[in-house]
Amino acid sequence: MPTERVSPCLSTWEAFHFPPRAPQNFPPNCCLVEKSEMAEGQESSEKMTAKHKKRDANLLAFTGAAALLALTAGFAISAFNSHRRRSKKKDLPGSTVRVSLPAPEILKLADRIIAKSKEVHDTVTSIPLDKVSYANVIAPLADLEAQQFPLIQSCVFPKLVSTLEDVRRASAEAERRIDAHISTCSKREDLYRVVKAFSVKGEWMNPEAKHYVKCLVTDFERNGLNLTVTKREEAQRLRAQIDELSLRYIRNLNDDSTCILFSEAELTGLPPEYLKSLDKAENGKYKVAMKSHHVLILLELCKVGTTRRIVATTYGKRCGDVNLSVLERLVNILPFLFRNTA
């Protein structure tokens, strides 16, 4: 019996259970065909992948452009709606102050303010006392105050900031005219009666309106409009004296020409620009005038304590002899005014 040859790499048991397989007959170009088909499949897959990527890129670009367009359109619509809302809003009172008016325009504006105020006040005082209401008495006065506040500031503000002398003079004159008109209106008995009649009715629109009416009544009564004619005339006479004495007190301070002489060593710490702005005496010392723009800088920057003490003491004693008598008269008048207005 012929013996089957077993591969030396296999054991007897493996050779018995796993006999050698018969060799398969593959065509000579089989591997090449498989490789070619695999290459073609891979190339086709790569082409499909590239095609999908290109389509995804185009879709992404289109989507991004559409999103950007939608975002831009959204911003445009939002801006348009915001503009419409702003156009419907009224300007806030006080937002239209003009600070660059020439001198003639300031005086013309002051005259227009006074004329409009007279017109509104005359209209309010023409209301019968039994027909007063918030709409025909209080609302016109409140609206007038809100409308004229920025206009009044346009007249009086240039006095403080303008570099032109004629503008400052015109602003001061406009302030004088407006103050005189306001003082006259605050003493109108017919206007007080109308406002007081509404206050007595107590038909309040809201807490703010109630407080505003209370302030109006208080201002009128501080001018003595709730007093008898005799007491009112006496109170007005006393107020005129107080105003005149107050003006004299301020004028004395403005006209004061007190100066103190200091050497350069006594002004140590002050900048050169400050020293250049000071006048010099014949002995070469600097003249420090007792004006606020000189005194405040010196008290802040001067390093010499003695100099600061001398300036502070002298500045506090300005016009002491002259203004002392003015203060004494003011103190004596005030009790009479309080008794007449109580």
C-alpha atoms as a PDB file:
ATOM      1  CA  MET A   1       0.000   0.000   0.000  1.00  0.00           C
ATOM      2  CA  PRO A   2       1.512   3.231  -1.009  1.00  0.00           C
ATOM      3  CA  THR A   3       2.264   5.671   1.726  1.00  0.00           C
ATOM      4  CA  GLU A   4       0.940   9.237   1.407  1.00  0.00           C
ATOM      5  CA  ARG A   5       3.568  11.808   1.739  1.00  0.00           C
ATOM      6  CA  VAL A   6       2.870  14.379   4.413  1.00  0.00           C
ATOM      7  CA  SER A   7       4.250  17.819   4.472  1.00  0.00           C
ATOM      8  CA  PRO A   8       6.965  18.147   7.025  1.00  0.00           C
ATOM      9  CA  CYS A   9       5.248  21.270   8.300  1.00  0.00           C
ATOM     10  CA  LEU A  10       2.108  19.346   9.306  1.00  0.00           C
ATOM     11  CA  SER A  11       1.709  16.816  12.011  1.00  0.00           C
ATOM     12  CA  THR A  12       0.201  13.385  11.334  1.00  0.00           C
ATOM     13  CA  TRP A  13      -3.092  14.350  12.960  1.00  0.00           C
ATOM     14  CA  GLU A  14      -3.318  17.572  10.945  1.00  0.00           C
ATOM     15  CA  ALA A  15      -2.452  15.736   7.784  1.00  0.00           C
ATOM     16  CA  PHE A  16      -5.178  13.172   8.420  1.00  0.00           C
ATOM     17  CA  HIS A  17      -7.908  15.670   9.262  1.00  0.00           C
ATOM     18  CA  PHE A  18      -6.873  18.397   6.838  1.00  0.00           C
ATOM     19  CA  PRO A  19      -5.703  16.716   3.679  1.00  0.00           C
ATOM     20  CA  PRO A  20      -4.022  18.911   1.105  1.00  0.00           C
ATOM     21  CA  ARG A  21      -6.428  20.764  -1.167  1.00  0.00           C
ATOM     22  CA  ALA A  22      -6.234  20.290  -4.830  1.00  0.00           C
ATOM     23  CA  PRO A  23      -4.599  23.193  -6.565  1.00  0.00           C
ATOM     24  CA  GLN A  24      -7.083  25.589  -8.197  1.00  0.00           C
ATOM     25  CA  ASN A  25      -6.606  26.546 -11.774  1.00  0.00           C
ATOM     26  CA  PHE A  26      -6.901  30.401 -12.064  1.00  0.00           C
ATOM     27  CA  PRO A  27      -6.660  32.131 -15.349  1.00  0.00           C
ATOM     28  CA  PRO A  28      -3.316  33.730 -15.897  1.00  0.00           C
ATOM     29  CA  ASN A  29      -4.715  37.314 -15.931  1.00  0.00           C
ATOM     30  CA  CYS A  30      -7.163  36.841 -13.041  1.00  0.00           C
ATOM     31  CA  CYS A  31      -5.205  38.891 -10.511  1.00  0.00           C
ATOM     32  CA  LEU A  32      -4.636  41.630 -13.030  1.00  0.00           C
ATOM     33  CA  VAL A  33      -8.366  41.794 -13.789  1.00  0.00           C
ATOM     34  CA  GLU A  34      -9.230  41.972 -10.101  1.00  0.00           C
ATOM     35  CA  LYS A  35      -6.655  44.663  -9.540  1.00  0.00           C
ATOM     36  CA  SER A  36      -7.950  46.587 -12.542  1.00  0.00           C
ATOM     37  CA  GLU A  37     -11.530  46.319 -11.337  1.00  0.00           C
ATOM     38  CA  MET A  38     -10.509  47.388  -7.862  1.00  0.00           C
ATOM     39  CA  ALA A  39      -8.632  50.360  -9.271  1.00  0.00           C
ATOM     40  CA  GLU A  40     -11.595  51.334 -11.432  1.00  0.00           C
ATOM     41  CA  GLY A  41     -13.944  50.990  -8.452  1.00  0.00           C
ATOM     42  CA  GLN A  42     -11.661  53.065  -6.280  1.00  0.00           C
ATOM     43  CA  GLU A  43     -11.325  55.712  -9.006  1.00  0.00           C
ATOM     44  CA  SER A  44     -15.096  55.765  -9.468  1.00  0.00           C
ATOM     45  CA  SER A  45     -15.565  56.052  -5.726  1.00  0.00           C
ATOM     46  CA  GLU A  46     -13.075  58.909  -5.578  1.00  0.00           C
ATOM     47  CA  LYS A  47     -14.866  60.658  -8.435  1.00  0.00           C
ATOM     48  CA  MET A  48     -18.201  60.254  -6.649  1.00  0.00           C
ATOM     49  CA  THR A  49     -16.676  61.510  -3.425  1.00  0.00           C
ATOM     50  CA  ALA A  50     -15.163  64.524  -5.192  1.00  0.00           C
ATOM     51  CA  LYS A  51     -18.491  65.171  -6.899  1.00  0.00           C
ATOM     52  CA  HIS A  52     -20.332  65.012  -3.569  1.00  0.00           C
ATOM     53  CA  LYS A  53     -17.753  67.273  -1.952  1.00  0.00           C
ATOM     54  CA  LYS A  54     -18.078  69.796  -4.762  1.00  0.00           C
ATOM     55  CA  ARG A  55     -21.853  69.684  -4.504  1.00  0.00           C
ATOM     56  CA  ASP A  56     -21.659  70.076  -0.716  1.00  0.00           C
ATOM     57  CA  ALA A  57     -19.257  73.000  -1.137  1.00  0.00           C
ATOM     58  CA  ASN A  58     -21.586  74.650  -3.638  1.00  0.00           C
ATOM     59  CA  LEU A  59     -24.529  74.025  -1.351  1.00  0.00           C
ATOM     60  CA  LEU A  60     -22.600  75.423   1.614  1.00  0.00           C
ATOM     61  CA  ALA A  61     -21.556  78.485  -0.377  1.00  0.00           C
ATOM     62  CA  PHE A  62     -25.125  79.030  -1.511  1.00  0.00           C
ATOM     63  CA  THR A  63     -26.444  78.545   2.007  1.00  0.00           C
ATOM     64  CA  GLY A  64     -23.843  80.946   3.433  1.00  0.00           C
ATOM     65  CA  ALA A  65     -24.643  83.571   0.815  1.00  0.00           C
ATOM     66  CA  ALA A  66     -28.346  83.170   1.498  1.00  0.00           C
ATOM     67  CA  ALA A  67     -27.766  83.466   5.242  1.00  0.00           C
ATOM     68  CA  LEU A  68     -25.627  86.572   4.746  1.00  0.00           C
ATOM     69  CA  LEU A  69     -28.274  88.061   2.478  1.00  0.00           C
ATOM     70  CA  ALA A  70     -30.982  87.279   5.022  1.00  0.00           C
ATOM     71  CA  LEU A  71     -28.884  88.797   7.821  1.00  0.00           C
ATOM     72  CA  THR A  72     -28.267  91.949   5.783  1.00  0.00           C
ATOM     73  CA  ALA A  73     -31.954  92.212   4.967  1.00  0.00           C
ATOM     74  CA  GLY A  74     -32.765  91.758   8.653  1.00  0.00           C
ATOM     75  CA  PHE A  75     -30.396  94.569   9.618  1.00  0.00           C
ATOM     76  CA  ALA A  76     -31.885  96.814   6.944  1.00  0.00           C
ATOM     77  CA  ILE A  77     -35.439  96.137   8.110  1.00  0.00           C
ATOM     78  CA  SER A  78     -34.437  96.681  11.742  1.00  0.00           C
ATOM     79  CA  ALA A  79     -32.721  99.979  10.889  1.00  0.00           C
ATOM     80  CA  PHE A  80     -35.747 101.113   8.892  1.00  0.00           C
ATOM     81  CA  ASN A  81     -38.140 100.278  11.724  1.00  0.00           C
ATOM     82  CA  SER A  82     -35.866 101.985  14.243  1.00  0.00           C
ATOM     83  CA  HIS A  83     -35.785 105.101  12.073  1.00  0.00           C
ATOM     84  CA  ARG A  84     -39.570 105.095  11.871  1.00  0.00           C
ATOM     85  CA  ARG A  85     -39.869 104.788  15.635  1.00  0.00           C
ATOM     86  CA  ARG A  86     -37.400 107.622  16.177  1.00  0.00           C
ATOM     87  CA  SER A  87     -39.189 109.821  13.671  1.00  0.00           C
ATOM     88  CA  LYS A  88     -42.436 109.335  15.561  1.00  0.00           C
ATOM     89  CA  LYS A  89     -40.860 110.300  18.896  1.00  0.00           C
ATOM     90  CA  LYS A  90     -40.903 113.909  20.036  1.00  0.00           C
ATOM     91  CA  ASP A  91     -37.661 115.612  20.967  1.00  0.00           C
ATOM     92  CA  LEU A  92     -36.971 115.665  24.674  1.00  0.00           C
ATOM     93  CA  PRO A  93     -37.364 119.090  26.291  1.00  0.00           C
ATOM     94  CA  GLY A  94     -33.968 120.623  26.872  1.00  0.00           C
ATOM     95  CA  SER A  95     -32.292 118.907  23.922  1.00  0.00           C
ATOM     96  CA  THR A  96     -32.380 121.940  21.599  1.00  0.00           C
ATOM     97  CA  VAL A  97     -30.175 124.433  23.444  1.00  0.00           C
ATOM     98  CA  ARG A  98     -28.268 126.681  21.035  1.00  0.00           C
ATOM     99  CA  VAL A  99     -24.964 128.061  22.284  1.00  0.00           C
ATOM    100  CA  SER A 100     -23.680 129.900  19.213  1.00  0.00           C
ATOM    101  CA  LEU A 101     -26.328 132.584  18.669  1.00  0.00           C
ATOM    102  CA  PRO A 102     -25.078 136.059  17.695  1.00  0.00           C
ATOM    103  CA  ALA A 103     -25.946 139.024  19.885  1.00  0.00           C
ATOM    104  CA  PRO A 104     -28.972 140.300  17.864  1.00  0.00           C
ATOM    105  CA  GLU A 105     -30.508 136.817  17.717  1.00  0.00           C
ATOM    106  CA  ILE A 106     -30.202 136.420  21.493  1.00  0.00           C
ATOM    107  CA  LEU A 107     -32.225 139.573  22.118  1.00  0.00           C
ATOM    108  CA  LYS A 108     -34.820 138.607  19.485  1.00  0.00           C
ATOM    109  CA  LEU A 109     -35.193 135.173  21.044  1.00  0.00           C
ATOM    110  CA  ALA A 110     -35.672 136.726  24.495  1.00  0.00           C
ATOM    111  CA  ASP A 111     -38.444 138.956  23.136  1.00  0.00           C
ATOM    112  CA  ARG A 112     -40.164 135.959  21.513  1.00  0.00           C
ATOM    113  CA  ILE A 113     -39.970 134.033  24.786  1.00  0.00           C
ATOM    114  CA  ILE A 114     -41.609 136.897  26.671  1.00  0.00           C
ATOM    115  CA  ALA A 115     -44.323 137.397  24.038  1.00  0.00           C
ATOM    116  CA  LYS A 116     -45.229 133.694  23.986  1.00  0.00           C
ATOM    117  CA  SER A 117     -45.313 133.565  27.776  1.00  0.00           C
ATOM    118  CA  LYS A 118     -47.663 136.553  27.952  1.00  0.00           C
ATOM    119  CA  GLU A 119     -49.942 134.959  25.368  1.00  0.00           C
ATOM    120  CA  VAL A 120     -50.238 131.679  27.283  1.00  0.00           C
ATOM    121  CA  HIS A 121     -50.722 133.379  30.648  1.00  0.00           C
ATOM    122  CA  ASP A 122     -53.413 135.688  29.261  1.00  0.00           C
ATOM    123  CA  THR A 123     -55.225 132.686  27.784  1.00  0.00           C
ATOM    124  CA  VAL A 124     -55.113 130.825  31.095  1.00  0.00           C
ATOM    125  CA  THR A 125     -56.365 133.802  33.108  1.00  0.00           C
ATOM    126  CA  SER A 126     -59.343 134.177  30.761  1.00  0.00           C
ATOM    127  CA  ILE A 127     -60.778 130.827  31.949  1.00  0.00           C
ATOM    128  CA  PRO A 128     -63.797 131.275  34.279  1.00  0.00           C
ATOM    129  CA  LEU A 129     -63.119 129.985  37.782  1.00  0.00           C
ATOM    130  CA  ASP A 130     -66.002 127.510  37.595  1.00  0.00           C
ATOM    131  CA  LYS A 131     -64.648 125.950  34.383  1.00  0.00           C
ATOM    132  CA  VAL A 132     -61.021 125.423  35.319  1.00  0.00           C
ATOM    133  CA  SER A 133     -59.547 122.016  34.503  1.00  0.00           C
ATOM    134  CA  TYR A 134     -56.181 120.394  34.130  1.00  0.00           C
ATOM    135  CA  ALA A 135     -56.368 120.650  30.346  1.00  0.00           C
ATOM    136  CA  ASN A 136     -57.088 124.399  30.146  1.00  0.00           C
ATOM    137  CA  VAL A 137     -55.079 125.680  33.145  1.00  0.00           C
ATOM    138  CA  ILE A 138     -52.264 123.411  34.324  1.00  0.00           C
ATOM    139  CA  ALA A 139     -51.293 121.643  31.084  1.00  0.00           C
ATOM    140  CA  PRO A 140     -50.665 124.924  29.158  1.00  0.00           C
ATOM    141  CA  LEU A 141     -48.436 126.229  31.968  1.00  0.00           C
ATOM    142  CA  ALA A 142     -46.495 122.955  32.207  1.00  0.00           C
ATOM    143  CA  ASP A 143     -46.048 122.749  28.421  1.00  0.00           C
ATOM    144  CA  LEU A 144     -44.903 126.376  28.295  1.00  0.00           C
ATOM    145  CA  GLU A 145     -42.283 125.743  30.964  1.00  0.00           C
ATOM    146  CA  ALA A 146     -40.996 122.629  29.181  1.00  0.00           C
ATOM    147  CA  GLN A 147     -40.861 124.325  25.772  1.00  0.00           C
ATOM    148  CA  GLN A 148     -39.208 127.530  26.957  1.00  0.00           C
ATOM    149  CA  PHE A 149     -36.556 126.008  29.208  1.00  0.00           C
ATOM    150  CA  PRO A 150     -34.089 125.237  26.364  1.00  0.00           C
ATOM    151  CA  LEU A 151     -34.868 128.597  24.759  1.00  0.00           C
ATOM    152  CA  ILE A 152     -34.113 130.464  27.973  1.00  0.00           C
ATOM    153  CA  GLN A 153     -30.863 128.525  28.356  1.00  0.00           C
ATOM    154  CA  SER A 154     -29.944 129.503  24.793  1.00  0.00           C
ATOM    155  CA  CYS A 155     -30.246 133.142  25.873  1.00  0.00           C
ATOM    156  CA  VAL A 156     -28.456 133.069  29.234  1.00  0.00           C
ATOM    157  CA  PHE A 157     -25.749 130.426  28.705  1.00  0.00           C
ATOM    158  CA  PRO A 158     -23.557 132.489  26.301  1.00  0.00           C
ATOM    159  CA  LYS A 159     -22.979 134.983  29.114  1.00  0.00           C
ATOM    160  CA  LEU A 160     -20.867 132.342  30.842  1.00  0.00           C
ATOM    161  CA  VAL A 161     -18.895 130.864  27.939  1.00  0.00           C
ATOM    162  CA  SER A 162     -18.742 133.246  24.987  1.00  0.00           C
ATOM    163  CA  THR A 163     -15.448 134.927  24.111  1.00  0.00           C
ATOM    164  CA  LEU A 164     -17.249 137.819  22.378  1.00  0.00           C
ATOM    165  CA  GLU A 165     -17.994 140.874  24.481  1.00  0.00           C
ATOM    166  CA  ASP A 166     -21.136 141.853  22.549  1.00  0.00           C
ATOM    167  CA  VAL A 167     -22.553 138.336  22.928  1.00  0.00           C
ATOM    168  CA  ARG A 168     -21.966 138.365  26.688  1.00  0.00           C
ATOM    169  CA  ARG A 169     -23.618 141.772  27.007  1.00  0.00           C
ATOM    170  CA  ALA A 170     -26.590 140.657  24.921  1.00  0.00           C
ATOM    171  CA  SER A 171     -26.914 137.488  27.003  1.00  0.00           C
ATOM    172  CA  ALA A 172     -26.873 139.481  30.252  1.00  0.00           C
ATOM    173  CA  GLU A 173     -29.513 141.860  28.879  1.00  0.00           C
ATOM    174  CA  ALA A 174     -31.670 138.942  27.734  1.00  0.00           C
ATOM    175  CA  GLU A 175     -31.413 137.383  31.193  1.00  0.00           C
ATOM    176  CA  ARG A 176     -32.446 140.675  32.792  1.00  0.00           C
ATOM    177  CA  ARG A 177     -35.524 140.949  30.548  1.00  0.00           C
ATOM    178  CA  ILE A 178     -36.583 137.342  31.083  1.00  0.00           C
ATOM    179  CA  ASP A 179     -36.085 137.540  34.864  1.00  0.00           C
ATOM    180  CA  ALA A 180     -38.159 140.722  35.030  1.00  0.00           C
ATOM    181  CA  HIS A 181     -40.951 139.066  33.044  1.00  0.00           C
ATOM    182  CA  ILE A 182     -40.905 135.935  35.225  1.00  0.00           C
ATOM    183  CA  SER A 183     -41.024 138.094  38.346  1.00  0.00           C
ATOM    184  CA  THR A 184     -44.045 139.948  36.960  1.00  0.00           C
ATOM    185  CA  CYS A 185     -45.849 136.702  36.120  1.00  0.00           C
ATOM    186  CA  SER A 186     -45.215 135.314  39.598  1.00  0.00           C
ATOM    187  CA  LYS A 187     -47.047 138.340  41.027  1.00  0.00           C
ATOM    188  CA  ARG A 188     -50.133 138.173  38.788  1.00  0.00           C
ATOM    189  CA  GLU A 189     -53.130 137.876  41.060  1.00  0.00           C
ATOM    190  CA  ASP A 190     -55.461 136.777  38.238  1.00  0.00           C
ATOM    191  CA  LEU A 191     -53.152 133.876  37.399  1.00  0.00           C
ATOM    192  CA  TYR A 192     -52.950 132.877  41.066  1.00  0.00           C
ATOM    193  CA  ARG A 193     -56.746 132.820  41.387  1.00  0.00           C
ATOM    194  CA  VAL A 194     -57.122 130.445  38.430  1.00  0.00           C
ATOM    195  CA  VAL A 195     -54.431 128.034  39.652  1.00  0.00           C
ATOM    196  CA  LYS A 196     -55.776 128.182  43.206  1.00  0.00           C
ATOM    197  CA  ALA A 197     -59.302 127.422  41.955  1.00  0.00           C
ATOM    198  CA  PHE A 198     -58.080 124.254  40.270  1.00  0.00           C
ATOM    199  CA  SER A 199     -56.087 123.310  43.375  1.00  0.00           C
ATOM    200  CA  VAL A 200     -59.219 123.603  45.525  1.00  0.00           C
ATOM    201  CA  LYS A 201     -61.194 121.353  43.150  1.00  0.00           C
ATOM    202  CA  GLY A 202     -58.635 118.591  43.677  1.00  0.00           C
ATOM    203  CA  GLU A 203     -59.141 116.921  40.298  1.00  0.00           C
ATOM    204  CA  TRP A 204     -55.650 115.441  40.101  1.00  0.00           C
ATOM    205  CA  MET A 205     -54.538 113.616  36.992  1.00  0.00           C
ATOM    206  CA  ASN A 206     -51.599 111.916  38.737  1.00  0.00           C
ATOM    207  CA  PRO A 207     -49.195 112.486  41.670  1.00  0.00           C
ATOM    208  CA  GLU A 208     -46.804 114.466  39.460  1.00  0.00           C
ATOM    209  CA  ALA A 209     -49.568 116.908  38.477  1.00  0.00           C
ATOM    210  CA  LYS A 210     -50.565 117.304  42.117  1.00  0.00           C
ATOM    211  CA  HIS A 211     -46.994 118.126  43.114  1.00  0.00           C
ATOM    212  CA  TYR A 212     -46.600 120.579  40.212  1.00  0.00           C
ATOM    213  CA  VAL A 213     -49.786 122.468  41.165  1.00  0.00           C
ATOM    214  CA  LYS A 214     -48.653 122.573  44.782  1.00  0.00           C
ATOM    215  CA  CYS A 215     -45.354 124.159  43.722  1.00  0.00           C
ATOM    216  CA  LEU A 216     -47.179 126.750  41.605  1.00  0.00           C
ATOM    217  CA  VAL A 217     -49.424 127.745  44.500  1.00  0.00           C
ATOM    218  CA  THR A 218     -46.460 127.916  46.893  1.00  0.00           C
ATOM    219  CA  ASP A 219     -44.507 130.212  44.552  1.00  0.00           C
ATOM    220  CA  PHE A 220     -47.470 132.564  44.217  1.00  0.00           C
ATOM    221  CA  GLU A 221     -48.067 132.676  47.968  1.00  0.00           C
ATOM    222  CA  ARG A 222     -44.394 133.340  48.691  1.00  0.00           C
ATOM    223  CA  ASN A 223     -44.898 136.561  46.767  1.00  0.00           C
ATOM    224  CA  GLY A 224     -47.788 137.493  49.065  1.00  0.00           C
ATOM    225  CA  LEU A 225     -50.684 136.853  46.676  1.00  0.00           C
ATOM    226  CA  ASN A 226     -52.647 135.145  49.446  1.00  0.00           C
ATOM    227  CA  LEU A 227     -52.374 138.251  51.650  1.00  0.00           C
ATOM    228  CA  THR A 228     -54.425 141.378  51.887  1.00  0.00           C
ATOM    229  CA  VAL A 229     -53.546 144.260  49.613  1.00  0.00           C
ATOM    230  CA  THR A 230     -51.849 146.207  52.425  1.00  0.00           C
ATOM    231  CA  LYS A 231     -49.672 143.293  53.546  1.00  0.00           C
ATOM    232  CA  ARG A 232     -48.874 142.376  49.970  1.00  0.00           C
ATOM    233  CA  GLU A 233     -47.630 145.864  49.159  1.00  0.00           C
ATOM    234  CA  GLU A 234     -45.515 145.888  52.309  1.00  0.00           C
ATOM    235  CA  ALA A 235     -44.038 142.478  51.461  1.00  0.00           C
ATOM    236  CA  GLN A 236     -43.205 143.601  47.934  1.00  0.00           C
ATOM    237  CA  ARG A 237     -41.498 146.710  49.291  1.00  0.00           C
ATOM    238  CA  LEU A 238     -39.398 144.625  51.678  1.00  0.00           C
ATOM    239  CA  ARG A 239     -38.488 142.166  48.922  1.00  0.00           C
ATOM    240  CA  ALA A 240     -37.363 145.036  46.711  1.00  0.00           C
ATOM    241  CA  GLN A 241     -35.082 146.252  49.501  1.00  0.00           C
ATOM    242  CA  ILE A 242     -33.647 142.763  49.967  1.00  0.00           C
ATOM    243  CA  ASP A 243     -32.959 142.430  46.237  1.00  0.00           C
ATOM    244  CA  GLU A 244     -31.252 145.829  46.139  1.00  0.00           C
ATOM    245  CA  LEU A 245     -29.066 145.053  49.165  1.00  0.00           C
ATOM    246  CA  SER A 246     -28.109 141.635  47.782  1.00  0.00           C
ATOM    247  CA  LEU A 247     -27.087 143.212  44.491  1.00  0.00           C
ATOM    248  CA  ARG A 248     -25.013 145.817  46.322  1.00  0.00           C
ATOM    249  CA  TYR A 249     -23.266 143.107  48.343  1.00  0.00           C
ATOM    250  CA  ILE A 250     -22.249 141.221  45.182  1.00  0.00           C
ATOM    251  CA  ARG A 251     -21.222 144.406  43.388  1.00  0.00           C
ATOM    252  CA  ASN A 252     -18.921 145.356  46.264  1.00  0.00           C
ATOM    253  CA  LEU A 253     -17.160 141.986  46.016  1.00  0.00           C
ATOM    254  CA  ASN A 254     -16.766 142.304  42.254  1.00  0.00           C
ATOM    255  CA  ASP A 255     -15.359 145.831  42.543  1.00  0.00           C
ATOM    256  CA  ASP A 256     -12.850 144.889  45.234  1.00  0.00           C
ATOM    257  CA  SER A 257      -9.252 145.533  44.100  1.00  0.00           C
ATOM    258  CA  THR A 258      -7.284 144.195  47.070  1.00  0.00           C
ATOM    259  CA  CYS A 259      -3.817 142.845  46.155  1.00  0.00           C
ATOM    260  CA  ILE A 260      -1.022 141.226  48.143  1.00  0.00           C
ATOM    261  CA  LEU A 261       2.667 141.434  47.194  1.00  0.00           C
ATOM    262  CA  PHE A 262       4.759 138.252  47.253  1.00  0.00           C
ATOM    263  CA  SER A 263       8.290 137.453  46.179  1.00  0.00           C
ATOM    264  CA  GLU A 264       9.013 134.574  43.831  1.00  0.00           C
ATOM    265  CA  ALA A 265      10.314 132.492  46.738  1.00  0.00           C
ATOM    266  CA  GLU A 266       7.028 132.980  48.601  1.00  0.00           C
ATOM    267  CA  LEU A 267       5.176 131.608  45.556  1.00  0.00           C
ATOM    268  CA  THR A 268       7.193 128.397  45.298  1.00  0.00           C
ATOM    269  CA  GLY A 269       5.242 125.589  43.684  1.00  0.00           C
ATOM    270  CA  LEU A 270       3.192 127.722  41.322  1.00  0.00           C
ATOM    271  CA  PRO A 271       3.669 127.068  37.581  1.00  0.00           C
ATOM    272  CA  PRO A 272       5.496 129.626  35.398  1.00  0.00           C
ATOM    273  CA  GLU A 273       2.300 130.337  33.440  1.00  0.00           C
ATOM    274  CA  TYR A 274       0.613 131.500  36.640  1.00  0.00           C
ATOM    275  CA  LEU A 275       3.488 133.824  37.528  1.00  0.00           C
ATOM    276  CA  LYS A 276       3.460 135.310  34.014  1.00  0.00           C
ATOM    277  CA  SER A 277      -0.225 136.188  34.415  1.00  0.00           C
ATOM    278  CA  LEU A 278       0.499 138.309  37.520  1.00  0.00           C
ATOM    279  CA  ASP A 279       1.403 141.981  37.465  1.00  0.00           C
ATOM    280  CA  LYS A 280       4.612 143.125  39.121  1.00  0.00           C
ATOM    281  CA  ALA A 281       5.132 145.978  41.545  1.00  0.00           C
ATOM    282  CA  GLU A 282       7.999 148.454  41.353  1.00  0.00           C
ATOM    283  CA  ASN A 283      10.027 146.426  43.836  1.00  0.00           C
ATOM    284  CA  GLY A 284       9.790 143.342  41.588  1.00  0.00           C
ATOM    285  CA  LYS A 285       7.277 141.437  43.708  1.00  0.00           C
ATOM    286  CA  TYR A 286       4.205 139.796  42.229  1.00  0.00           C
ATOM    287  CA  LYS A 287       0.719 141.240  42.769  1.00  0.00           C
ATOM    288  CA  VAL A 288      -1.808 138.564  43.720  1.00  0.00           C
ATOM    289  CA  ALA A 289      -5.325 139.981  43.327  1.00  0.00           C
ATOM    290  CA  MET A 290      -8.049 138.652  45.612  1.00  0.00           C
ATOM    291  CA  LYS A 291      -9.995 137.131  42.727  1.00  0.00           C
ATOM    292  CA  SER A 292     -11.188 133.544  42.707  1.00  0.00           C
ATOM    293  CA  HIS A 293      -9.189 132.487  39.621  1.00  0.00           C
ATOM    294  CA  HIS A 294      -5.963 133.621  41.317  1.00  0.00           C
ATOM    295  CA  VAL A 295      -6.722 132.552  44.867  1.00  0.00           C
ATOM    296  CA  LEU A 296      -7.918 129.000  44.166  1.00  0.00           C
ATOM    297  CA  ILE A 297      -4.809 128.054  42.178  1.00  0.00           C
ATOM    298  CA  LEU A 298      -2.497 129.537  44.794  1.00  0.00           C
ATOM    299  CA  LEU A 299      -4.193 127.740  47.682  1.00  0.00           C
ATOM    300  CA  GLU A 300      -3.905 124.437  45.833  1.00  0.00           C
ATOM    301  CA  LEU A 301      -0.365 124.572  44.437  1.00  0.00           C
ATOM    302  CA  CYS A 302       1.702 126.935  46.581  1.00  0.00           C
ATOM    303  CA  LYS A 303       4.153 125.048  48.810  1.00  0.00           C
ATOM    304  CA  VAL A 304       4.679 127.914  51.294  1.00  0.00           C
ATOM    305  CA  GLY A 305       2.248 127.585  54.198  1.00  0.00           C
ATOM    306  CA  THR A 306       2.572 131.204  55.300  1.00  0.00           C
ATOM    307  CA  THR A 307       1.607 132.444  51.845  1.00  0.00           C
ATOM    308  CA  ARG A 308      -1.465 130.216  51.741  1.00  0.00           C
ATOM    309  CA  ARG A 309      -2.581 131.371  55.199  1.00  0.00           C
ATOM    310  CA  ILE A 310      -2.207 135.071  54.355  1.00  0.00           C
ATOM    311  CA  VAL A 311      -4.143 134.706  51.094  1.00  0.00           C
ATOM    312  CA  ALA A 312      -6.967 132.685  52.655  1.00  0.00           C
ATOM    313  CA  THR A 313      -7.394 135.153  55.521  1.00  0.00           C
ATOM    314  CA  THR A 314      -7.351 138.215  53.281  1.00  0.00           C
ATOM    315  CA  TYR A 315      -9.742 136.644  50.774  1.00  0.00           C
ATOM    316  CA  GLY A 316     -12.248 135.896  53.530  1.00  0.00           C
ATOM    317  CA  LYS A 317     -12.143 139.486  54.817  1.00  0.00           C
ATOM    318  CA  ARG A 318     -12.810 141.201  51.485  1.00  0.00           C
ATOM    319  CA  CYS A 319     -15.092 144.256  51.735  1.00  0.00           C
ATOM    320  CA  GLY A 320     -15.553 143.562  55.425  1.00  0.00           C
ATOM    321  CA  ASP A 321     -16.291 147.131  56.443  1.00  0.00           C
ATOM    322  CA  VAL A 322     -18.572 147.919  53.493  1.00  0.00           C
ATOM    323  CA  ASN A 323     -20.547 144.691  53.355  1.00  0.00           C
ATOM    324  CA  LEU A 324     -20.967 144.438  57.119  1.00  0.00           C
ATOM    325  CA  SER A 325     -23.483 147.286  57.106  1.00  0.00           C
ATOM    326  CA  VAL A 326     -25.288 145.662  54.161  1.00  0.00           C
ATOM    327  CA  LEU A 327     -25.631 142.392  56.069  1.00  0.00           C
ATOM    328  CA  GLU A 328     -26.903 144.202  59.165  1.00  0.00           C
ATOM    329  CA  ARG A 329     -29.695 145.829  57.137  1.00  0.00           C
ATOM    330  CA  LEU A 330     -30.611 142.492  55.558  1.00  0.00           C
ATOM    331  CA  VAL A 331     -30.831 140.812  58.956  1.00  0.00           C
ATOM    332  CA  ASN A 332     -33.100 143.583  60.254  1.00  0.00           C
ATOM    333  CA  ILE A 333     -35.460 143.424  57.239  1.00  0.00           C
ATOM    334  CA  LEU A 334     -36.038 139.662  57.172  1.00  0.00           C
ATOM    335  CA  PRO A 335     -38.125 139.452  60.396  1.00  0.00           C
ATOM    336  CA  PHE A 336     -40.542 142.092  59.070  1.00  0.00           C
ATOM    337  CA  LEU A 337     -40.932 140.148  55.843  1.00  0.00           C
ATOM    338  CA  PHE A 338     -41.635 136.908  57.694  1.00  0.00           C
ATOM    339  CA  ARG A 339     -44.266 138.578  59.889  1.00  0.00           C
ATOM    340  CA  ASN A 340     -46.046 140.057  56.881  1.00  0.00           C
ATOM    341  CA  THR A 341     -46.090 136.825  54.890  1.00  0.00           C
ATOM    342  CA  ALA A 342     -46.981 134.506  57.793  1.00  0.00           C
END
